[in-house]
Amino acid sequence: MNFGEAPSMREYVGFVWIADHPGIRLRLLASSPEDARARVVEEHGEGHVISLWNEEDAAKPR
């Protein structure tokens, strides 16, 4: 049986700001930026300001 390759997990870091409270620092593993955002929404709910990035991608020249 061939189950295919599992998606590679990457580390994403960032913040979520809930109402007027100080930002909560985030660090999570996800397969894509969309997956990372979905996990934050699942944990903290909709309607918050979310900022996420992958450090390796951020360090690449543009």
Protein backbone atom coordinates (compact mmCIF):
# COMPACT_ATOMS: atom_id res chain seq x y z
CA MET A 1 0.00 0.00 0.00
CA ASN A 2 1.23 3.49 -0.86
CA PHE A 3 -0.16 6.17 1.38
CA GLY A 4 1.76 8.96 -0.34
CA GLU A 5 4.04 11.42 1.33
CA ALA A 6 2.89 13.20 4.44
CA PRO A 7 2.97 16.98 4.03
CA SER A 8 6.11 18.45 5.53
CA MET A 9 5.47 20.40 8.70
CA ARG A 10 7.05 23.81 9.05
CA GLU A 11 7.30 26.11 12.03
CA TYR A 12 5.27 29.32 11.93
CA VAL A 13 5.58 32.12 14.45
CA GLY A 14 3.52 35.24 14.98
CA PHE A 15 0.94 37.00 17.10
CA VAL A 16 -2.80 37.10 17.64
CA TRP A 17 -4.43 40.23 19.05
CA ILE A 18 -7.74 39.67 20.80
CA ALA A 19 -9.76 42.84 21.36
CA ASP A 20 -7.58 45.43 23.13
CA HIS A 21 -5.48 42.90 25.06
CA PRO A 22 -1.72 42.58 24.47
CA GLY A 23 -0.77 40.31 21.58
CA ILE A 24 -0.28 36.61 22.28
CA ARG A 25 2.94 35.19 20.82
CA LEU A 26 2.39 32.06 18.72
CA ARG A 27 4.67 29.20 17.68
CA LEU A 28 3.12 26.24 15.86
CA LEU A 29 3.79 23.53 13.29
CA ALA A 30 1.68 23.48 10.13
CA SER A 31 1.88 22.26 6.56
CA SER A 32 1.10 25.67 4.99
CA PRO A 33 0.35 29.29 5.93
CA GLU A 34 -3.36 28.56 5.42
CA ASP A 35 -3.16 25.55 7.74
CA ALA A 36 -1.36 27.66 10.37
CA ARG A 37 -4.02 30.38 10.20
CA ALA A 38 -6.82 27.77 10.42
CA ARG A 39 -5.23 26.30 13.56
CA VAL A 40 -5.04 29.75 15.20
CA VAL A 41 -8.70 30.47 14.33
CA GLU A 42 -9.67 27.05 15.70
CA GLU A 43 -7.97 27.80 19.02
CA HIS A 44 -8.77 31.53 19.45
CA GLY A 45 -11.90 32.04 17.32
CA GLU A 46 -12.77 34.30 14.37
CA GLY A 47 -12.47 38.06 14.16
CA HIS A 48 -9.01 38.63 15.64
CA VAL A 49 -5.93 40.16 14.06
CA ILE A 50 -3.52 37.33 13.20
CA SER A 51 0.03 37.75 11.94
CA LEU A 52 2.00 34.59 11.05
CA TRP A 53 5.21 33.89 9.16
CA ASN A 54 7.82 31.20 8.58
CA GLU A 55 11.30 32.36 9.62
CA GLU A 56 13.00 30.50 6.73
CA ASP A 57 10.75 32.20 4.17
CA ALA A 58 11.19 35.58 5.84
CA ALA A 59 14.99 35.29 5.59
CA LYS A 60 15.01 34.54 1.84
CA PRO A 61 16.01 37.40 -0.44
CA ARG A 62 13.15 38.84 -2.49
